[in-house]
Protein backbone atom coordinates (compact mmCIF):
# COMPACT_ATOMS: atom_id res chain seq x y z
CA MET A 1 -0.03 -0.19 -0.17
CA LYS A 2 1.32 3.39 -0.90
CA LYS A 3 2.25 5.56 2.02
CA PHE A 4 1.64 9.28 2.28
CA LYS A 5 3.61 11.70 4.22
CA PHE A 6 1.60 13.76 6.36
CA ILE A 7 2.70 17.14 7.81
CA SER A 8 1.52 17.90 11.12
CA ALA A 9 -2.05 19.72 11.90
CA ILE A 10 -0.24 22.56 13.49
CA ALA A 11 1.94 23.19 10.58
CA LEU A 12 -0.74 22.49 8.02
CA THR A 13 -2.72 24.92 9.91
CA MET A 14 -0.15 27.59 9.69
CA LEU A 15 -0.41 27.36 5.91
CA MET A 16 -3.96 27.57 5.61
CA ALA A 17 -6.22 30.69 5.45
CA SER A 18 -7.58 31.81 8.62
CA CYS A 19 -11.17 30.54 9.32
CA ASP A 20 -13.22 32.47 11.56
CA ASP A 21 -16.04 30.41 13.50
CA PHE A 22 -19.19 32.16 11.67
CA ASP A 23 -22.47 32.40 13.40
CA LEU A 24 -24.73 30.24 10.93
CA PRO A 25 -26.65 30.69 8.85
CA ASN A 26 -25.11 33.56 7.24
CA PRO A 27 -21.29 33.35 6.94
CA PRO A 28 -19.55 35.49 4.19
CA GLY A 29 -19.59 33.54 0.97
CA GLN A 30 -16.85 35.02 -1.00
CA THR A 31 -14.42 33.41 -3.12
CA ASN A 32 -11.13 34.68 -4.39
CA GLY A 33 -11.60 35.68 -8.00
CA ASN A 34 -9.24 34.42 -10.79
CA PRO A 35 -5.56 33.19 -10.34
CA THR A 36 -2.84 35.65 -11.28
CA GLY A 37 -0.62 32.66 -11.74
CA PHE A 38 -0.05 28.99 -10.96
CA PHE A 39 2.25 26.85 -8.72
CA THR A 40 3.02 23.46 -9.90
CA GLY A 41 5.61 22.06 -7.37
CA ALA A 42 3.03 21.35 -4.34
CA ASP A 43 1.94 17.75 -3.68
CA LEU A 44 -1.72 17.84 -2.44
CA VAL A 45 -4.37 14.92 -2.00
CA ILE A 46 -7.73 15.64 -1.16
CA ASN A 47 -9.92 12.70 0.00
CA PRO A 48 -13.78 12.46 -0.11
CA GLY A 49 -15.89 13.76 2.86
CA GLU A 50 -19.40 13.23 3.59
CA THR A 51 -21.12 11.60 0.47
CA THR A 52 -24.65 11.92 2.08
CA VAL A 53 -25.12 15.41 3.15
CA ASN A 54 -28.22 16.64 4.98
CA LEU A 55 -28.22 20.45 5.09
CA LYS A 56 -31.22 20.68 7.58
CA ASP A 57 -29.39 18.76 10.17
CA ALA A 58 -25.81 20.62 9.54
CA ASN A 59 -27.66 24.07 9.85
CA ALA A 60 -29.58 22.83 12.92
CA ALA A 61 -26.32 21.90 14.40
CA ASN A 62 -24.76 25.22 13.53
CA LYS A 63 -21.89 23.33 11.79
CA ASP A 64 -20.29 23.28 8.27
CA VAL A 65 -20.67 20.41 6.19
CA VAL A 66 -17.30 18.08 5.83
CA VAL A 67 -17.17 17.74 2.16
CA ALA A 68 -13.34 16.51 1.92
CA THR A 69 -10.49 15.99 4.05
CA ILE A 70 -6.77 16.90 3.06
CA GLY A 71 -4.69 13.64 3.23
CA LYS A 72 -1.56 15.49 2.22
CA LEU A 73 0.18 18.87 1.49
CA GLU A 74 3.75 19.19 0.82
CA ASN A 75 6.14 21.55 -0.87
CA PHE A 76 3.64 24.49 -0.41
CA PRO A 77 5.23 27.92 -1.04
CA ALA A 78 6.16 29.77 2.24
CA ASP A 79 4.34 32.44 3.37
CA TYR A 80 1.25 31.59 1.36
CA ASN A 81 -2.29 30.86 2.66
CA PHE A 82 -3.63 27.56 1.59
CA VAL A 83 -7.27 27.95 0.19
CA VAL A 84 -9.62 25.53 -1.36
CA GLU A 85 -12.70 26.23 -3.46
CA MET A 86 -15.41 23.62 -4.19
CA GLU A 87 -16.91 23.40 -7.89
CA LEU A 88 -20.35 22.19 -7.72
CA ALA A 89 -22.75 20.61 -10.50
CA ASP A 90 -25.52 18.48 -11.20
CA ASN A 91 -23.52 16.48 -13.67
CA ASN A 92 -20.01 14.71 -13.89
CA ASN A 93 -19.02 16.79 -16.96
CA PHE A 94 -19.37 20.14 -14.56
CA ASP A 95 -21.13 21.95 -17.24
CA PRO A 96 -22.42 24.31 -16.04
CA SER A 97 -21.21 24.51 -12.57
CA THR A 98 -20.83 27.10 -9.58
CA ILE A 99 -18.01 27.79 -7.18
CA VAL A 100 -18.56 27.60 -3.53
CA ALA A 101 -16.14 28.98 -0.65
CA THR A 102 -15.05 26.61 2.01
CA THR A 103 -13.50 26.64 5.42
CA ILE A 104 -10.67 24.59 6.51
CA LYS A 105 -10.32 23.44 10.26
CA ASP A 106 -8.30 20.37 11.47
CA ASN A 107 -7.35 18.89 8.01
CA GLN A 108 -11.29 19.04 7.01
CA ILE A 109 -12.76 21.05 4.24
CA GLY A 110 -16.24 22.46 5.30
CA VAL A 111 -18.90 24.27 3.40
CA ASN A 112 -21.62 26.43 5.25
CA PRO A 113 -25.07 24.71 4.74
CA ASP A 114 -26.66 28.20 3.60
CA LEU A 115 -23.74 28.65 0.75
CA PHE A 116 -24.22 24.88 -0.28
CA ASN A 117 -28.10 25.29 -0.39
CA GLY A 118 -27.62 28.67 -2.52
CA ALA A 119 -25.15 27.15 -4.79
CA ILE A 120 -27.91 24.30 -5.61
CA GLN A 121 -30.44 27.02 -6.09
CA THR A 122 -28.09 28.58 -8.48
CA ILE A 123 -26.92 25.44 -10.47
CA LYS A 124 -30.15 23.18 -10.38
CA THR A 125 -33.39 24.56 -8.50
CA LYS A 126 -34.79 26.15 -5.60
CA GLN A 127 -37.35 23.34 -5.06
CA PRO A 128 -36.58 21.81 -1.70
CA GLY A 129 -35.75 18.22 -1.92
CA VAL A 130 -32.92 15.52 -2.27
CA TYR A 131 -30.65 15.71 -5.04
CA ASP A 132 -27.72 14.05 -6.63
CA MET A 133 -24.85 16.41 -7.15
CA TYR A 134 -21.35 16.62 -8.05
CA ALA A 135 -18.24 18.23 -6.56
CA ARG A 136 -14.45 18.64 -7.35
CA PHE A 137 -12.15 20.94 -5.61
CA VAL A 138 -9.55 23.50 -6.79
CA ALA A 139 -6.58 24.70 -4.53
CA TYR A 140 -4.65 27.91 -4.51
CA ALA A 141 -1.79 29.73 -2.61
CA VAL A 142 -2.88 32.96 -1.77
CA LYS A 143 -0.84 35.85 -0.37
CA GLY A 144 -2.25 39.53 -0.58
CA THR A 145 -3.40 40.14 -4.17
CA THR A 146 -1.49 37.27 -5.46
CA LYS A 147 -3.42 34.09 -6.04
CA LEU A 148 -1.56 31.05 -7.46
CA ARG A 149 -3.63 27.99 -8.58
CA LEU A 150 -2.02 24.63 -7.65
CA GLY A 151 -1.16 22.90 -10.89
CA ASP A 152 -2.75 24.57 -14.01
CA MET A 153 -6.01 25.75 -15.17
CA THR A 154 -7.27 22.06 -15.66
CA THR A 155 -6.07 20.90 -12.21
CA THR A 156 -8.89 19.48 -9.88
CA TYR A 157 -9.15 17.21 -7.04
CA CYS A 158 -11.52 14.69 -5.47
CA THR A 159 -14.44 14.54 -7.87
CA GLU A 160 -17.15 12.99 -5.80
CA SER A 161 -20.75 12.33 -6.21
CA LEU A 162 -23.06 13.84 -3.17
CA LYS A 163 -26.63 13.26 -2.28
CA ILE A 164 -27.91 16.42 -0.67
CA THR A 165 -31.06 17.00 1.29
CA THR A 166 -31.50 20.73 0.79
CA LEU A 167 -32.93 23.44 3.20
CA ASP A 168 -36.37 23.86 3.86
CA PRO A 169 -37.82 27.00 2.00
CA ALA A 170 -38.34 30.26 3.70
CA LYS A 171 -42.08 30.31 2.59
CA VAL A 172 -43.82 26.88 1.60
CA MET A 173 -45.48 27.17 -1.54
CA GLU A 174 -47.83 24.91 -3.73
CA GLN A 175 -47.12 24.21 -7.50
CA SER A 176 -50.81 25.29 -8.44
CA TYR A 177 -53.03 28.24 -7.58
CA TYR A 178 -56.40 29.21 -8.65
CA VAL A 179 -58.33 32.28 -9.06
CA LEU A 180 -61.44 31.76 -6.78
CA PRO A 181 -64.44 33.84 -7.65
CA CYS A 182 -66.69 35.28 -4.92
CA ASN A 183 -70.35 36.11 -4.80
CA ALA A 184 -71.70 39.37 -3.97
CA ALA A 185 -71.45 38.73 -0.23
CA GLY A 186 -67.83 37.82 -0.59
CA ALA A 187 -68.25 34.01 -0.33
CA PRO A 188 -66.22 31.72 -2.27
CA VAL A 189 -67.83 29.86 -5.42
CA TRP A 190 -65.44 26.74 -5.34
CA SER A 191 -67.21 25.32 -8.40
CA SER A 192 -65.97 28.32 -10.58
CA ALA A 193 -62.55 28.10 -9.28
CA ILE A 194 -59.94 28.45 -12.50
CA LYS A 195 -56.31 27.21 -12.37
CA MET A 196 -53.68 29.74 -13.15
CA ASN A 197 -50.76 29.14 -15.52
CA ASN A 198 -47.12 29.49 -14.45
CA THR A 199 -45.82 32.29 -16.33
CA SER A 200 -42.55 30.16 -17.29
CA GLY A 201 -44.57 27.26 -18.67
CA GLU A 202 -45.75 23.80 -17.57
CA GLY A 203 -43.39 21.78 -15.28
CA ILE A 204 -41.61 24.80 -13.86
CA SER A 205 -41.21 24.58 -10.19
CA VAL A 206 -42.98 27.46 -8.09
CA TYR A 207 -39.98 27.87 -6.27
CA ASP A 208 -38.13 28.81 -9.42
CA ASN A 209 -40.81 30.81 -10.76
CA PRO A 210 -43.52 32.02 -8.17
CA GLU A 211 -45.30 34.17 -10.78
CA PHE A 212 -48.83 33.12 -12.11
CA ALA A 213 -51.35 34.77 -14.67
CA LEU A 214 -54.71 33.89 -15.89
CA LYS A 215 -56.99 35.80 -18.65
CA ILE A 216 -60.53 35.92 -17.78
CA ASP A 217 -63.46 37.48 -19.48
CA ILE A 218 -65.65 39.72 -17.20
CA THR A 219 -69.04 40.84 -18.39
CA GLU A 220 -69.91 44.50 -18.44
CA GLU A 221 -72.45 43.62 -15.71
CA GLN A 222 -69.82 41.89 -13.53
CA GLY A 223 -67.58 44.70 -13.85
CA GLU A 224 -70.03 47.45 -12.89
CA ALA A 225 -70.88 45.47 -9.98
CA GLY A 226 -67.28 44.71 -9.08
CA TYR A 227 -65.99 41.33 -9.76
CA LYS A 228 -64.63 39.64 -6.54
CA TRP A 229 -61.92 37.04 -6.43
CA MET A 230 -59.42 35.59 -3.75
CA LEU A 231 -56.24 33.17 -4.77
CA ALA A 232 -56.50 29.55 -3.49
CA PRO A 233 -53.94 26.91 -3.37
CA GLU A 234 -54.81 23.65 -5.18
CA SER A 235 -55.15 21.91 -1.87
CA ALA A 236 -57.81 24.36 -0.45
CA VAL A 237 -59.75 24.04 -3.90
CA ARG A 238 -59.51 20.34 -3.55
CA ALA A 239 -60.79 20.27 0.21
CA GLN A 240 -63.02 23.35 -0.54
CA ASN A 241 -61.72 25.07 2.71
CA MET A 242 -60.31 28.41 3.31
CA THR A 243 -56.72 27.18 4.50
CA GLY A 244 -54.05 28.95 2.41
CA VAL A 245 -56.89 31.38 0.75
CA LEU A 246 -55.72 34.88 0.59
CA GLY A 247 -57.80 37.98 -0.50
CA CYS A 248 -56.52 41.34 -1.84
CA LEU A 249 -55.23 44.45 -0.11
CA ALA A 250 -55.42 46.92 -2.72
CA ASN A 251 -52.55 49.56 -3.35
CA ASN A 252 -54.64 50.98 -6.36
CA ASP A 253 -57.39 49.76 -8.75
CA PHE A 254 -54.76 47.52 -10.45
CA ALA A 255 -52.27 46.21 -8.12
CA GLY A 256 -51.71 45.38 -4.29
CA LYS A 257 -50.92 42.85 -1.73
CA LEU A 258 -52.12 39.36 -1.24
CA THR A 259 -53.24 38.87 2.24
CA ASP A 260 -55.53 37.19 4.88
CA THR A 261 -58.59 39.86 4.19
CA GLU A 262 -61.48 40.67 1.94
CA PRO A 263 -61.80 39.46 -1.65
CA GLY A 264 -60.24 41.53 -4.55
CA VAL A 265 -62.68 43.76 -6.60
CA ILE A 266 -62.08 44.31 -10.34
CA THR A 267 -64.07 46.97 -12.12
CA LEU A 268 -62.78 46.40 -15.46
CA SER A 269 -64.76 44.56 -18.12
CA GLY A 270 -63.86 42.48 -21.29
CA PRO A 271 -60.58 40.46 -21.37
CA VAL A 272 -58.74 40.75 -18.04
CA LEU A 273 -55.40 39.50 -17.20
CA ILE A 274 -54.79 38.57 -13.29
CA THR A 275 -51.06 37.94 -12.30
CA VAL A 276 -49.72 37.00 -8.82
CA ASN A 277 -46.43 36.46 -7.16
CA VAL A 278 -47.07 33.98 -4.56
CA GLU A 279 -43.46 34.28 -3.07
CA ALA A 280 -43.81 38.01 -2.84
CA ASP A 281 -47.65 37.81 -2.04
CA SER A 282 -48.35 40.41 -4.63
CA TYR A 283 -50.92 40.84 -7.52
CA GLY A 284 -51.76 42.86 -10.52
CA VAL A 285 -54.64 43.42 -12.94
CA SER A 286 -54.51 44.60 -16.51
CA TYR A 287 -56.37 44.05 -19.75
CA ALA A 288 -55.45 41.07 -21.58
CA PHE A 289 -54.40 41.58 -25.42
CA ASP A 290 -55.03 39.02 -28.25
CA ALA A 291 -52.24 40.36 -30.09
CA LEU A 292 -49.58 43.08 -29.45
CA TYR A 293 -48.63 45.69 -32.23
CA PRO A 294 -45.06 46.25 -32.92
CA LEU A 295 -45.18 49.75 -34.60
CA SER A 296 -42.28 51.82 -36.35
CA SER A 297 -41.82 54.43 -38.66
CA THR A 298 -43.13 52.23 -41.67
CA THR A 299 -46.47 51.15 -39.81
CA LEU A 300 -46.98 53.89 -37.17
CA THR A 301 -49.66 55.55 -39.44
CA ARG A 302 -50.70 52.36 -41.03
CA PRO A 303 -50.93 49.85 -38.06
CA ASN A 304 -53.08 47.59 -39.84
CA GLU A 305 -50.08 46.61 -42.10
CA ALA A 306 -47.87 45.80 -39.08
CA LEU A 307 -47.12 42.16 -38.49
CA LEU A 308 -48.24 40.93 -34.93
CA LEU A 309 -47.10 39.29 -32.02
CA TYR A 310 -49.37 36.29 -31.16
CA THR A 311 -50.18 34.34 -27.75
CA ASP A 312 -51.84 31.47 -26.57
CA ASN A 313 -51.83 32.40 -22.65
CA TYR A 314 -51.79 36.12 -22.72
CA ILE A 315 -48.33 36.10 -21.04
CA ASN A 316 -45.88 35.02 -23.54
CA TYR A 317 -45.88 36.87 -26.98
CA GLY A 318 -44.08 36.06 -30.05
CA GLY A 319 -43.97 36.53 -33.74
CA VAL A 320 -42.15 38.17 -36.63
CA SER A 321 -42.33 41.90 -37.43
CA VAL A 322 -40.63 44.79 -39.43
CA LEU A 323 -38.89 47.31 -37.33
CA SER A 324 -36.98 50.31 -38.66
CA GLY A 325 -35.12 52.28 -35.86
CA LEU A 326 -37.44 53.38 -33.20
CA TRP A 327 -40.42 51.51 -32.37
CA TYR A 328 -43.39 51.08 -30.04
CA LEU A 329 -45.17 48.15 -28.56
CA CYS A 330 -48.84 48.72 -28.36
CA GLY A 331 -51.67 46.75 -27.02
CA GLN A 332 -53.92 47.95 -29.97
CA PRO A 333 -53.37 49.39 -33.40
CA SER A 334 -52.71 52.79 -32.22
CA TYR A 335 -49.90 54.53 -30.60
CA GLU A 336 -51.91 57.45 -29.78
CA THR A 337 -54.84 55.85 -27.48
CA GLY A 338 -54.69 52.95 -25.33
CA THR A 339 -51.74 50.82 -23.82
CA VAL A 340 -48.31 51.54 -25.07
CA PHE A 341 -44.99 49.89 -23.58
CA SER A 342 -41.76 51.51 -23.51
CA GLN A 343 -38.19 50.55 -22.63
CA SER A 344 -37.82 50.41 -18.74
CA PRO A 345 -35.22 52.72 -17.52
CA ASP A 346 -34.52 50.50 -14.85
CA VAL A 347 -33.32 47.30 -16.75
CA GLU A 348 -30.01 47.51 -18.84
CA VAL A 349 -30.32 46.88 -22.48
CA LYS A 350 -28.36 44.01 -23.67
CA ASP A 351 -27.04 43.47 -27.10
CA SER A 352 -25.75 39.99 -28.64
CA LYS A 353 -22.08 40.27 -30.13
CA ASP A 354 -23.09 40.04 -33.48
CA GLY A 355 -25.27 43.11 -33.27
CA LEU A 356 -28.38 41.36 -34.19
CA SER A 357 -30.29 40.98 -31.12
CA ARG A 358 -31.26 42.94 -28.29
CA GLU A 359 -33.10 42.19 -24.96
CA GLY A 360 -34.48 44.49 -22.18
CA GLY A 361 -37.33 45.52 -19.85
CA LEU A 362 -40.67 47.19 -20.53
CA VAL A 363 -42.61 49.70 -18.66
CA GLN A 364 -46.27 50.52 -19.47
CA GLY A 365 -46.65 53.99 -20.58
CA ARG A 366 -45.23 56.64 -22.88
CA ASP A 367 -42.79 57.93 -20.36
CA GLY A 368 -40.43 55.26 -20.43
CA ASN A 369 -37.02 55.38 -23.01
CA LYS A 370 -38.06 54.98 -26.49
CA LEU A 371 -37.47 51.28 -27.88
CA GLU A 372 -34.67 50.90 -30.62
CA ALA A 373 -34.23 47.96 -33.05
CA PRO A 374 -30.49 46.71 -33.04
CA VAL A 375 -30.11 46.88 -36.76
CA LYS A 376 -30.33 50.42 -38.08
CA ARG A 377 -32.33 49.83 -41.18
CA LYS A 378 -35.67 48.27 -41.92
CA ASN A 379 -35.24 44.66 -41.19
CA LEU A 380 -37.46 41.80 -40.10
CA TYR A 381 -37.29 40.47 -36.64
CA TRP A 382 -38.49 37.79 -34.48
CA ILE A 383 -39.69 39.42 -31.26
CA ASP A 384 -40.47 37.54 -27.65
CA VAL A 385 -42.41 39.68 -25.22
CA ASN A 386 -43.13 38.39 -21.63
CA LEU A 387 -45.84 40.91 -20.39
CA VAL A 388 -46.11 39.48 -17.01
CA GLN A 389 -42.01 39.87 -16.35
CA ARG A 390 -42.15 42.85 -18.63
CA THR A 391 -39.34 41.80 -20.73
CA TYR A 392 -38.52 41.53 -24.50
CA LYS A 393 -36.03 40.21 -27.11
CA VAL A 394 -35.85 41.29 -30.59
CA THR A 395 -33.54 38.97 -33.08
CA GLY A 396 -32.88 40.26 -36.60
CA ILE A 397 -33.54 37.97 -39.47
CA LEU A 398 -31.18 38.76 -42.10
CA THR A 399 -31.81 35.53 -44.22
CA LEU A 400 -34.29 32.82 -44.15
CA GLY A 401 -33.19 29.38 -45.62
CA LEU A 402 -33.98 25.60 -45.94
CA THR A 403 -31.60 23.32 -44.19
CA GLY A 404 -31.92 19.40 -44.20
CA ALA A 405 -31.17 16.07 -45.78
CA HIS A 406 -30.69 17.88 -49.05
CA ASN A 407 -27.57 19.72 -47.72
CA GLU A 408 -26.45 17.51 -45.08
CA TRP A 409 -28.15 19.48 -42.29
CA LYS A 410 -25.28 22.34 -42.80
CA PRO A 411 -26.92 25.67 -41.92
CA GLU A 412 -24.23 27.37 -43.75
CA ALA A 413 -25.30 25.89 -46.84
CA SER A 414 -29.10 26.44 -46.61
CA VAL A 415 -31.04 27.07 -49.50
CA GLN A 416 -31.73 30.93 -49.59
CA LEU A 417 -35.18 32.25 -49.92
CA THR A 418 -36.07 35.74 -51.40
CA LYS A 419 -38.17 38.22 -49.51
CA SER A 420 -40.96 40.18 -50.52
CA LYS A 421 -41.12 44.11 -50.53
CA ASP A 422 -43.13 43.98 -47.12
CA TYR A 423 -40.93 40.93 -45.70
CA ALA A 424 -44.28 38.99 -45.41
CA THR A 425 -43.38 36.35 -47.72
CA TRP A 426 -40.28 34.59 -48.69
CA THR A 427 -40.02 32.59 -51.65
CA ALA A 428 -37.47 30.28 -53.81
CA GLU A 429 -38.14 28.35 -57.16
CA GLY A 430 -36.99 25.00 -58.29
CA VAL A 431 -35.25 23.72 -55.00
CA GLU A 432 -34.24 20.32 -54.56
CA LEU A 433 -35.50 18.85 -51.55
CA ASP A 434 -34.98 15.40 -50.29
CA GLY A 435 -36.63 13.92 -47.09
CA GLU A 436 -36.42 16.15 -43.89
CA PHE A 437 -35.89 19.73 -43.64
CA LYS A 438 -36.30 22.91 -41.47
CA ILE A 439 -36.57 26.57 -42.11
CA ASN A 440 -33.65 28.54 -40.41
CA ALA A 441 -32.61 32.24 -40.27
CA GLY A 442 -29.12 33.69 -40.78
CA SER A 443 -27.35 30.25 -41.54
CA ASP A 444 -27.79 29.38 -37.73
CA TRP A 445 -30.21 27.71 -35.71
CA GLY A 446 -31.16 30.43 -33.01
CA VAL A 447 -34.28 31.11 -35.12
CA ASN A 448 -35.90 28.36 -36.79
CA TRP A 449 -39.18 26.78 -37.80
CA GLY A 450 -40.26 23.17 -37.52
CA LEU A 451 -43.42 21.41 -38.46
CA GLY A 452 -46.39 22.64 -36.30
CA LYS A 453 -49.16 20.69 -38.36
CA ASP A 454 -49.05 18.93 -41.87
CA LEU A 455 -52.28 20.66 -43.32
CA GLY A 456 -52.06 18.52 -46.68
CA ASP A 457 -52.59 19.41 -50.21
CA VAL A 458 -54.56 22.52 -50.87
CA THR A 459 -55.35 23.42 -54.24
CA GLY A 460 -52.42 21.28 -55.77
CA LYS A 461 -50.15 22.37 -53.22
CA HIS A 462 -48.82 21.16 -49.89
CA VAL A 463 -49.15 23.45 -46.99
CA TYR A 464 -47.35 23.04 -43.62
CA GLU A 465 -48.25 24.98 -40.61
CA LEU A 466 -45.00 26.34 -39.03
CA GLN A 467 -43.91 26.23 -35.36
CA PHE A 468 -41.13 28.35 -33.95
CA ASN A 469 -38.24 26.38 -32.94
CA GLY A 470 -40.39 23.41 -33.41
CA SER A 471 -38.71 19.92 -32.86
CA THR A 472 -40.45 18.08 -35.71
CA ASN A 473 -39.19 18.47 -39.25
CA MET A 474 -41.01 18.72 -42.41
CA ASN A 475 -40.62 15.57 -44.81
CA VAL A 476 -40.95 15.38 -48.46
CA GLU A 477 -40.24 13.09 -51.17
CA LYS A 478 -37.13 13.85 -53.36
CA GLY A 479 -37.87 16.32 -56.08
CA LYS A 480 -38.01 19.82 -57.21
CA TYR A 481 -40.25 22.32 -55.34
CA ASN A 482 -41.33 25.96 -55.39
CA VAL A 483 -41.21 27.24 -51.90
CA SER A 484 -43.43 29.81 -50.25
CA VAL A 485 -43.28 31.09 -46.55
CA ASN A 486 -45.77 33.11 -45.47
CA PHE A 487 -45.65 35.36 -42.27
CA SER A 488 -48.63 37.80 -43.24
CA ALA A 489 -51.46 35.80 -41.17
CA TYR A 490 -51.07 33.37 -38.19
CA PRO A 491 -50.41 30.74 -38.04
CA TYR A 492 -47.34 31.05 -40.43
CA THR A 493 -47.44 28.55 -43.19
CA LEU A 494 -44.95 26.92 -45.80
CA THR A 495 -46.21 26.11 -48.75
CA LEU A 496 -44.46 23.63 -51.48
CA GLU A 497 -45.53 23.03 -55.16
CA LYS A 498 -43.87 20.10 -56.86
CA LYS A 499 -42.49 20.98 -60.38
């Protein structure tokens, strides 16, 4: 058996970074930045620590979790402190991963349970539970502002698999919530409860996104009388009791706090969107838009010519539209009247490296900054909007092509389509296709369309309903085709006419 030479615990401690005894649960969580160089001469062995980790038990005991032990440290540079960081991931490829600060005491490498829990929330989920994670360690020699990584940029120690029980959440939330209508007296009408949509989509944990929304249609009579409602977790709806049911404490007519009080009252009529954040106990009420109108200089006075953004949940809107310079996002075919969204001054605008994409935040009203398209000339864009989270992203579409089996799925070799003057249709003649293919923008896959539905033969031509970033491919027999993509109506379609 190979023998390891151990230096004494006293000598080892002298080389290590000082480790204060912090009062849990909130010790400092800093790490030490990027290395300024490398030290290749040290001989370090790190051994596994506890592989089954219960953060709740560690937190209750007011102690760090021992994730590894130091088996050997020799030839370490004099007058430097020894520092270890833990790299944590949910896969053994460590992509992606996050870095966690550690403490060192009596040859044991420890991690504060709150820092550990926060790292799991960063890399995996905020949903409490038991998770399989992977850890490995990076070691440094640190003196002042000098930080030398032991080995080189790829050197890590002691890759281990961990089963981790996370901390209990600060607030327990349920996966599903309902708008619970109330009668004129304020009593709940359980049979009319309507399930809300998580604004990030089905299957998303409430702990990762606690925002829910629901579009309801309120009649003019209901609006005049005041539509009364409360918020109920699914358990309350199933049991038809008031446990966990919240009313509304209004800040104004359109927003307020969810609290143990009287039902909320909505005096709007028509399609109305109710949004709630069950973590922050807040709610908002606004009109629900069937479509959004992106208007710029070419469509501002001719809004009926604009290509619209569409939705199936009144939360997320998407579509292609033509923008030229400054633009406005409207809830109706008019900038002068009704709802307008502007660039939020509180959210930084971010542009992609290629200059084709821009994302930012929205604020309702004309007082915000003007929205501006990233391409300085008239251009077609794919636009994503989340009206609850008030975010947008526009991606320029310079070209459209067909990529598939006919060109070995190489987007750079895609068959290019020609745009119409209004950008609404893109066509090509005599295209040789053979088997499966998709439509992609810019010789890339960031923006693409797959098969939404095969509509079959229509007047001698085959028509496909397109799905943005759809996973299913169109499939045709080998031959030459005239191709036409139509963005002028929704759903978007692809028409093939065999020659």
